[in-house]
Amino acid sequence: MAMFGSSAPTEVGLRLLLSPLGSNILTRTACCSVGIVLPVYSTFKAIESKDQNDQQKWLVYWAAYGSFSIVEIFTDKFLYWVPLYYQVKFAFLVWLQLPSVEGAKQLYAQHLRPFLVKHQARFDKAVGMLYGEMSKFASTHQAEFQLAKTIFTRTFLAVRDVIYPVQHKDAGAIEGPVTAEETSESDDDDE
């Protein structure tokens, strides 16, 4: 911190982030940044570097984060009212990633892996059935998917043309009278 001068901005930032009376908007944004944005970029770097240890580290993180997110879906409406919930969530997300404690690895090894190993056959059966149903649904509604794709594509292209208009000169199109400038430009091109 000494290289940046005073640590006052850091202290103010931490006070805002950890203030129980402050708005949860800042803390929720920090949770999103620490829990999703940084790990997405770190995962990208691990994939691009082809470092197996780094890739495994981020796979374990995403397994832990995904499990936490599933639990949070069902408990968030209740926990939201608990004082300091988002501050604890922020601390938990930091703990998951800290290299010194390897929280995601601990959570995976001590809780998630034993649970998944114990119920693996049941999960495999449910996932297989889900994939089968999704395949049936997709094949049954192929025409609807194609229609939705066509509508989406046409809408996207129309919006793109409105945002980024392109001047089209179609061959054989009816155009207004040729001005003297255009005639002199075309004569210059011939020379």
C-alpha atoms as a PDB file:
ATOM      1  CA  MET A   1       0.000   0.000   0.000  1.00  0.00           C
ATOM      2  CA  ALA A   2       2.926   2.330   0.564  1.00  0.00           C
ATOM      3  CA  MET A   3       3.563   2.589  -3.146  1.00  0.00           C
ATOM      4  CA  PHE A   4       0.124   4.142  -3.614  1.00  0.00           C
ATOM      5  CA  GLY A   5       0.611   6.674  -0.878  1.00  0.00           C
ATOM      6  CA  SER A   6      -2.059   6.946   1.794  1.00  0.00           C
ATOM      7  CA  SER A   7      -4.185   3.934   2.612  1.00  0.00           C
ATOM      8  CA  ALA A   8      -7.215   6.182   3.208  1.00  0.00           C
ATOM      9  CA  PRO A   9      -9.030   5.208  -0.031  1.00  0.00           C
ATOM     10  CA  THR A  10      -8.590   1.522   0.816  1.00  0.00           C
ATOM     11  CA  GLU A  11      -9.924   2.048   4.337  1.00  0.00           C
ATOM     12  CA  VAL A  12     -12.925   3.976   3.000  1.00  0.00           C
ATOM     13  CA  GLY A  13     -13.628   1.214   0.476  1.00  0.00           C
ATOM     14  CA  LEU A  14     -13.434  -1.505   3.114  1.00  0.00           C
ATOM     15  CA  ARG A  15     -15.640   0.488   5.472  1.00  0.00           C
ATOM     16  CA  LEU A  16     -18.267   0.906   2.739  1.00  0.00           C
ATOM     17  CA  LEU A  17     -18.053  -2.756   1.799  1.00  0.00           C
ATOM     18  CA  LEU A  18     -18.261  -4.065   5.349  1.00  0.00           C
ATOM     19  CA  SER A  19     -20.682  -1.495   6.759  1.00  0.00           C
ATOM     20  CA  PRO A  20     -23.766  -3.266   8.116  1.00  0.00           C
ATOM     21  CA  LEU A  21     -25.837  -0.107   7.793  1.00  0.00           C
ATOM     22  CA  GLY A  22     -24.756   0.674   4.248  1.00  0.00           C
ATOM     23  CA  SER A  23     -26.495  -0.351   1.104  1.00  0.00           C
ATOM     24  CA  ASN A  24     -26.307  -3.986   0.047  1.00  0.00           C
ATOM     25  CA  ILE A  25     -25.841  -2.882  -3.559  1.00  0.00           C
ATOM     26  CA  LEU A  26     -22.107  -2.400  -3.116  1.00  0.00           C
ATOM     27  CA  THR A  27     -21.670  -5.690  -1.284  1.00  0.00           C
ATOM     28  CA  ARG A  28     -23.796  -7.595  -3.815  1.00  0.00           C
ATOM     29  CA  THR A  29     -21.722  -6.101  -6.637  1.00  0.00           C
ATOM     30  CA  ALA A  30     -18.543  -7.133  -4.831  1.00  0.00           C
ATOM     31  CA  CYS A  31     -19.943 -10.665  -4.403  1.00  0.00           C
ATOM     32  CA  CYS A  32     -20.669 -10.865  -8.116  1.00  0.00           C
ATOM     33  CA  SER A  33     -17.232  -9.540  -8.994  1.00  0.00           C
ATOM     34  CA  VAL A  34     -15.359 -11.837  -6.631  1.00  0.00           C
ATOM     35  CA  GLY A  35     -17.618 -14.861  -7.102  1.00  0.00           C
ATOM     36  CA  ILE A  36     -18.126 -14.759 -10.878  1.00  0.00           C
ATOM     37  CA  VAL A  37     -16.180 -12.134 -12.816  1.00  0.00           C
ATOM     38  CA  LEU A  38     -12.706 -12.862 -11.445  1.00  0.00           C
ATOM     39  CA  PRO A  39     -13.156 -16.658 -11.573  1.00  0.00           C
ATOM     40  CA  VAL A  40     -14.412 -16.502 -15.176  1.00  0.00           C
ATOM     41  CA  TYR A  41     -11.289 -14.623 -16.207  1.00  0.00           C
ATOM     42  CA  SER A  42      -9.059 -16.913 -14.133  1.00  0.00           C
ATOM     43  CA  THR A  43     -10.721 -19.939 -15.727  1.00  0.00           C
ATOM     44  CA  PHE A  44     -10.083 -18.458 -19.170  1.00  0.00           C
ATOM     45  CA  LYS A  45      -6.407 -17.949 -18.268  1.00  0.00           C
ATOM     46  CA  ALA A  46      -6.162 -21.536 -16.979  1.00  0.00           C
ATOM     47  CA  ILE A  47      -7.695 -22.940 -20.158  1.00  0.00           C
ATOM     48  CA  GLU A  48      -5.451 -20.862 -22.402  1.00  0.00           C
ATOM     49  CA  SER A  49      -2.284 -21.733 -20.451  1.00  0.00           C
ATOM     50  CA  LYS A  50      -3.163 -25.448 -20.584  1.00  0.00           C
ATOM     51  CA  ASP A  51      -1.917 -25.808 -16.984  1.00  0.00           C
ATOM     52  CA  GLN A  52      -3.644 -28.954 -15.644  1.00  0.00           C
ATOM     53  CA  ASN A  53      -3.287 -27.930 -11.981  1.00  0.00           C
ATOM     54  CA  ASP A  54      -4.792 -24.507 -12.620  1.00  0.00           C
ATOM     55  CA  GLN A  55      -7.627 -26.028 -14.658  1.00  0.00           C
ATOM     56  CA  GLN A  56      -8.421 -28.506 -11.890  1.00  0.00           C
ATOM     57  CA  LYS A  57      -8.330 -25.708  -9.302  1.00  0.00           C
ATOM     58  CA  TRP A  58     -10.972 -23.744 -11.234  1.00  0.00           C
ATOM     59  CA  LEU A  59     -13.093 -26.831 -11.957  1.00  0.00           C
ATOM     60  CA  VAL A  60     -13.183 -27.495  -8.212  1.00  0.00           C
ATOM     61  CA  TYR A  61     -14.049 -23.834  -7.590  1.00  0.00           C
ATOM     62  CA  TRP A  62     -16.963 -23.948 -10.061  1.00  0.00           C
ATOM     63  CA  ALA A  63     -18.235 -27.186  -8.492  1.00  0.00           C
ATOM     64  CA  ALA A  64     -18.147 -25.544  -5.047  1.00  0.00           C
ATOM     65  CA  TYR A  65     -19.634 -22.276  -6.321  1.00  0.00           C
ATOM     66  CA  GLY A  66     -22.388 -24.091  -8.227  1.00  0.00           C
ATOM     67  CA  SER A  67     -23.303 -26.124  -5.158  1.00  0.00           C
ATOM     68  CA  PHE A  68     -23.383 -22.964  -3.064  1.00  0.00           C
ATOM     69  CA  SER A  69     -25.592 -21.289  -5.682  1.00  0.00           C
ATOM     70  CA  ILE A  70     -28.055 -24.193  -5.611  1.00  0.00           C
ATOM     71  CA  VAL A  71     -28.322 -23.956  -1.831  1.00  0.00           C
ATOM     72  CA  GLU A  72     -28.608 -20.176  -2.050  1.00  0.00           C
ATOM     73  CA  ILE A  73     -31.542 -20.386  -4.492  1.00  0.00           C
ATOM     74  CA  PHE A  74     -33.619 -22.033  -1.796  1.00  0.00           C
ATOM     75  CA  THR A  75     -32.339 -20.061   1.188  1.00  0.00           C
ATOM     76  CA  ASP A  76     -31.686 -16.565  -0.209  1.00  0.00           C
ATOM     77  CA  LYS A  77     -35.186 -15.225   0.524  1.00  0.00           C
ATOM     78  CA  PHE A  78     -34.740 -16.118   4.192  1.00  0.00           C
ATOM     79  CA  LEU A  79     -31.051 -15.311   4.561  1.00  0.00           C
ATOM     80  CA  TYR A  80     -31.463 -11.949   2.868  1.00  0.00           C
ATOM     81  CA  TRP A  81     -33.032 -10.660   6.064  1.00  0.00           C
ATOM     82  CA  VAL A  82     -30.157 -11.869   8.241  1.00  0.00           C
ATOM     83  CA  PRO A  83     -27.891  -8.949   9.160  1.00  0.00           C
ATOM     84  CA  LEU A  84     -24.508  -9.059   7.411  1.00  0.00           C
ATOM     85  CA  TYR A  85     -25.634 -11.854   5.042  1.00  0.00           C
ATOM     86  CA  TYR A  86     -23.943 -10.353   1.986  1.00  0.00           C
ATOM     87  CA  GLN A  87     -20.802  -9.558   3.955  1.00  0.00           C
ATOM     88  CA  VAL A  88     -20.595 -13.201   5.091  1.00  0.00           C
ATOM     89  CA  LYS A  89     -21.273 -14.338   1.533  1.00  0.00           C
ATOM     90  CA  PHE A  90     -18.477 -12.078   0.288  1.00  0.00           C
ATOM     91  CA  ALA A  91     -16.080 -13.499   2.885  1.00  0.00           C
ATOM     92  CA  PHE A  92     -17.118 -17.047   1.908  1.00  0.00           C
ATOM     93  CA  LEU A  93     -16.467 -16.369  -1.795  1.00  0.00           C
ATOM     94  CA  VAL A  94     -13.049 -14.923  -0.972  1.00  0.00           C
ATOM     95  CA  TRP A  95     -12.324 -17.961   1.235  1.00  0.00           C
ATOM     96  CA  LEU A  96     -13.210 -20.305  -1.642  1.00  0.00           C
ATOM     97  CA  GLN A  97     -10.500 -18.723  -3.797  1.00  0.00           C
ATOM     98  CA  LEU A  98      -7.691 -17.900  -1.375  1.00  0.00           C
ATOM     99  CA  PRO A  99      -4.614 -19.903  -2.370  1.00  0.00           C
ATOM    100  CA  SER A 100      -3.402 -20.066   1.246  1.00  0.00           C
ATOM    101  CA  VAL A 101      -6.497 -21.940   2.497  1.00  0.00           C
ATOM    102  CA  GLU A 102      -7.879 -23.458  -0.734  1.00  0.00           C
ATOM    103  CA  GLY A 103     -11.446 -23.209   0.529  1.00  0.00           C
ATOM    104  CA  ALA A 104     -13.017 -24.622  -2.623  1.00  0.00           C
ATOM    105  CA  LYS A 105     -10.724 -27.653  -2.461  1.00  0.00           C
ATOM    106  CA  GLN A 106     -11.584 -28.187   1.221  1.00  0.00           C
ATOM    107  CA  LEU A 107     -15.318 -27.858   0.586  1.00  0.00           C
ATOM    108  CA  TYR A 108     -15.110 -30.236  -2.365  1.00  0.00           C
ATOM    109  CA  ALA A 109     -12.980 -32.860  -0.604  1.00  0.00           C
ATOM    110  CA  GLN A 110     -14.787 -32.816   2.741  1.00  0.00           C
ATOM    111  CA  HIS A 111     -18.419 -32.354   1.715  1.00  0.00           C
ATOM    112  CA  LEU A 112     -19.243 -32.206  -1.984  1.00  0.00           C
ATOM    113  CA  ARG A 113     -17.249 -35.199  -3.248  1.00  0.00           C
ATOM    114  CA  PRO A 114     -18.435 -37.618  -0.509  1.00  0.00           C
ATOM    115  CA  PHE A 115     -22.050 -36.548  -1.107  1.00  0.00           C
ATOM    116  CA  LEU A 116     -21.784 -36.957  -4.890  1.00  0.00           C
ATOM    117  CA  VAL A 117     -19.963 -40.307  -4.638  1.00  0.00           C
ATOM    118  CA  LYS A 118     -22.638 -41.611  -2.271  1.00  0.00           C
ATOM    119  CA  HIS A 119     -25.488 -40.539  -4.572  1.00  0.00           C
ATOM    120  CA  GLN A 120     -23.712 -40.910  -7.935  1.00  0.00           C
ATOM    121  CA  ALA A 121     -25.910 -43.723  -9.275  1.00  0.00           C
ATOM    122  CA  ARG A 122     -29.060 -41.770  -8.455  1.00  0.00           C
ATOM    123  CA  PHE A 123     -27.698 -38.589 -10.073  1.00  0.00           C
ATOM    124  CA  ASP A 124     -26.537 -40.501 -13.168  1.00  0.00           C
ATOM    125  CA  LYS A 125     -30.008 -41.968 -13.580  1.00  0.00           C
ATOM    126  CA  ALA A 126     -31.674 -38.551 -13.163  1.00  0.00           C
ATOM    127  CA  VAL A 127     -29.247 -36.842 -15.559  1.00  0.00           C
ATOM    128  CA  GLY A 128     -29.685 -39.603 -18.149  1.00  0.00           C
ATOM    129  CA  MET A 129     -33.465 -39.282 -17.915  1.00  0.00           C
ATOM    130  CA  LEU A 130     -33.212 -35.489 -18.172  1.00  0.00           C
ATOM    131  CA  TYR A 131     -31.017 -35.682 -21.288  1.00  0.00           C
ATOM    132  CA  GLY A 132     -33.421 -38.189 -22.824  1.00  0.00           C
ATOM    133  CA  GLU A 133     -36.407 -35.916 -22.179  1.00  0.00           C
ATOM    134  CA  MET A 134     -34.532 -32.911 -23.543  1.00  0.00           C
ATOM    135  CA  SER A 135     -33.672 -34.841 -26.712  1.00  0.00           C
ATOM    136  CA  LYS A 136     -37.296 -35.901 -27.185  1.00  0.00           C
ATOM    137  CA  PHE A 137     -38.476 -32.349 -26.609  1.00  0.00           C
ATOM    138  CA  ALA A 138     -35.939 -30.919 -29.053  1.00  0.00           C
ATOM    139  CA  SER A 139     -36.787 -33.431 -31.783  1.00  0.00           C
ATOM    140  CA  THR A 140     -40.538 -33.019 -31.261  1.00  0.00           C
ATOM    141  CA  HIS A 141     -40.345 -29.235 -31.456  1.00  0.00           C
ATOM    142  CA  GLN A 142     -37.722 -28.931 -34.196  1.00  0.00           C
ATOM    143  CA  ALA A 143     -40.009 -26.799 -36.389  1.00  0.00           C
ATOM    144  CA  GLU A 144     -40.718 -24.386 -33.525  1.00  0.00           C
ATOM    145  CA  PHE A 145     -36.998 -24.057 -32.800  1.00  0.00           C
ATOM    146  CA  GLN A 146     -36.324 -23.330 -36.465  1.00  0.00           C
ATOM    147  CA  LEU A 147     -39.090 -20.690 -36.496  1.00  0.00           C
ATOM    148  CA  ALA A 148     -37.711 -19.085 -33.326  1.00  0.00           C
ATOM    149  CA  LYS A 149     -34.214 -19.107 -34.840  1.00  0.00           C
ATOM    150  CA  THR A 150     -35.494 -17.451 -38.023  1.00  0.00           C
ATOM    151  CA  ILE A 151     -37.430 -14.804 -36.080  1.00  0.00           C
ATOM    152  CA  PHE A 152     -34.451 -14.111 -33.823  1.00  0.00           C
ATOM    153  CA  THR A 153     -32.054 -13.869 -36.783  1.00  0.00           C
ATOM    154  CA  ARG A 154     -34.312 -11.526 -38.742  1.00  0.00           C
ATOM    155  CA  THR A 155     -34.928  -9.369 -35.679  1.00  0.00           C
ATOM    156  CA  PHE A 156     -31.220  -9.235 -34.902  1.00  0.00           C
ATOM    157  CA  LEU A 157     -30.373  -8.260 -38.483  1.00  0.00           C
ATOM    158  CA  ALA A 158     -33.110  -5.602 -38.541  1.00  0.00           C
ATOM    159  CA  VAL A 159     -31.881  -4.095 -35.278  1.00  0.00           C
ATOM    160  CA  ARG A 160     -28.304  -4.222 -36.534  1.00  0.00           C
ATOM    161  CA  ASP A 161     -29.316  -2.409 -39.741  1.00  0.00           C
ATOM    162  CA  VAL A 162     -31.061   0.284 -37.686  1.00  0.00           C
ATOM    163  CA  ILE A 163     -28.073   0.732 -35.376  1.00  0.00           C
ATOM    164  CA  TYR A 164     -25.418   0.416 -38.092  1.00  0.00           C
ATOM    165  CA  PRO A 165     -27.011   1.493 -41.360  1.00  0.00           C
ATOM    166  CA  VAL A 166     -25.133   0.383 -44.456  1.00  0.00           C
ATOM    167  CA  GLN A 167     -25.288   2.194 -47.770  1.00  0.00           C
ATOM    168  CA  HIS A 168     -26.189  -0.408 -50.403  1.00  0.00           C
ATOM    169  CA  LYS A 169     -25.688   0.303 -54.111  1.00  0.00           C
ATOM    170  CA  ASP A 170     -27.578  -2.394 -55.922  1.00  0.00           C
ATOM    171  CA  ALA A 171     -26.762  -2.987 -59.561  1.00  0.00           C
ATOM    172  CA  GLY A 172     -29.680  -2.007 -61.762  1.00  0.00           C
ATOM    173  CA  ALA A 173     -31.368  -0.016 -59.011  1.00  0.00           C
ATOM    174  CA  ILE A 174     -33.254   3.071 -59.989  1.00  0.00           C
ATOM    175  CA  GLU A 175     -31.283   6.079 -58.902  1.00  0.00           C
ATOM    176  CA  GLY A 176     -31.784   9.788 -59.182  1.00  0.00           C
ATOM    177  CA  PRO A 177     -30.090  11.926 -61.795  1.00  0.00           C
ATOM    178  CA  VAL A 178     -26.306  11.830 -61.877  1.00  0.00           C
ATOM    179  CA  THR A 179     -24.719  15.053 -60.646  1.00  0.00           C
ATOM    180  CA  ALA A 180     -21.726  16.752 -62.220  1.00  0.00           C
ATOM    181  CA  GLU A 181     -19.503  15.715 -59.266  1.00  0.00           C
ATOM    182  CA  GLU A 182     -20.308  12.028 -59.725  1.00  0.00           C
ATOM    183  CA  THR A 183     -19.632  12.278 -63.464  1.00  0.00           C
ATOM    184  CA  SER A 184     -16.235  13.939 -62.946  1.00  0.00           C
ATOM    185  CA  GLU A 185     -15.300  11.351 -60.289  1.00  0.00           C
ATOM    186  CA  SER A 186     -16.123   8.466 -62.616  1.00  0.00           C
ATOM    187  CA  ASP A 187     -14.168  10.160 -65.437  1.00  0.00           C
ATOM    188  CA  ASP A 188     -11.168  10.491 -63.099  1.00  0.00           C
ATOM    189  CA  ASP A 189     -11.404   6.768 -62.260  1.00  0.00           C
ATOM    190  CA  ASP A 190     -11.205   5.855 -65.975  1.00  0.00           C
ATOM    191  CA  GLU A 191      -7.922   7.696 -66.451  1.00  0.00           C
END
